[in-house]
Amino acid sequence: MTKPSRLIVGISGASGVVYGIRLLEALKPLAVETHLVMTKAAEMTLAYETDLKAAQLRGLADVAYPIADVGAAISSGSFRTMGMVVAPCSVRSMSEIATGTTSNLLTRAADVTLKERRRLVLMLRETPLHSGHLRTMLNLSDMGAIIAPPVPGFYARPRSIDDIVDQTVGRVLDLFGLDSGKVTRWGDGEGTGSRRLRRVDDSGPA
């Protein structure tokens, strides 16, 4: 039986809505059917951080659902998908998913993803983290979720914010066996693992 080429993309209200946008853009040429759900807080963040309208963002997905539509296809385990990414994931959404007390379609879809033992990736956007956050993250990891904060890898020598976002989103897609074509991979090119990194000696001249 072939794995369905569908991926659920959730966008919550944390800062970093660009990750959700770029994820949808990166999936376009990969022949993956995208199913989008975004919270009301995400729509507010979209207005703060970009010039896109909510309708334009929904237009990047193959299917978009209202946040209150808890009877949507993605709320059922019988609707087969590759899994789900929440990009970005707020602490509130993370906490709802961890407890199973889901109040909207985004957290319901994530809960279904977990119960069906499908891949759930949460791009948690919060810092610093207190012990309650860390315990919640550990509980989710024990339940099968992948906690993937959008932390840039500077070995790729990014020259712009776009480079950082592309690298991060590409690494998230790697978790689903999808290649965005925009990831600088360690060991694949000159200066990224093809030679030993020079050690910085703090005792040397400034």
Foldseek 3Di string as FASTA:
>chain_A
DDAALEEEEEEEQDAQCVLSQVLLVLCVVVPGAYEYEYDPNRQVNCVVPHPDHPVVSCVSHNHYDYFAPCVDPLLDLVNGYQAYEYGADELVLLQCLLVVVDDTNVSSSNVSRLVNLHEYEHQYDDPDDDPVSVVSVVSVVVSPYHYQHLDFDCLVVDPDPVLSSLQSSQVVVVVSVDGSVSHDDAPPDPSRPVDDDDDDDPVDDD
